[in-house]
């Protein structure tokens, strides 16, 4: 029996050591690596406003006027095919001191067969051509991402930016001005990133909501800044600069 027991122990010790479990690639994984940002931890009263899917020939200009009125800056995640349609609006946005960021060329959700580099580079060429500046930030359409997208975006020199989940206004779905307002004002905290859209098919409720949101955030003492400015309040890994 002792011999059998000894053999069992030896066989156990000779078994290959199981590989440690692969890390779960959830929000915490990407946040800790500095590869995706949802919000910033800070005690400062700063919030970043973001607008997706533009430029729009009418709505973007109205957003810009309101931002100017309340001394606010924002980040506009622009779509390449909209830049081609409304280049003057993009130029105005950049000229007024707002940040321009990449939101792909076609706004198609990133799938297995998507040419990510083409989506990024085509839009980037348009941004640089119209503003003279390279964008440092990228936001995936719909907020969908995977390991391949994260890797390509990083290699191309962008920081991937999402938004504070409690501050998705869903304004693209015209949920009602009060709902948009309440989503922001009931949930806004230091270091948050708010998601709006300045390009919407059909009538928008975003402009009416901003007329309530902007003055109230200012009254609460918040400074409304670009995403890149917000990143300066946190120990975030900077995007590569080509």
Foldseek 3Di string as FASTA:
>chain_A
DVVVVVVVVVVVVPDDDDDPDDDDPDPVNCVVVLLEDAWFDFPAQAEAEEAEADDDPPLLVLVLVLCVVLVAEHEYAYAQVRCVVCVVSLLVNVVSPHHYHHAFHPLDADDPPDPLVCRRVSSQVSNCVRHVDGHAEYEYRPNDDDPVNSVVCQVVFHRYYDFNVLQALVQLVVPDLVSSLCSPPVDDDPGGYHYHHSDHPDDTSVSVNSVVNSVVSVVVPHHYYYPVVSCVRHPHDGTDDD
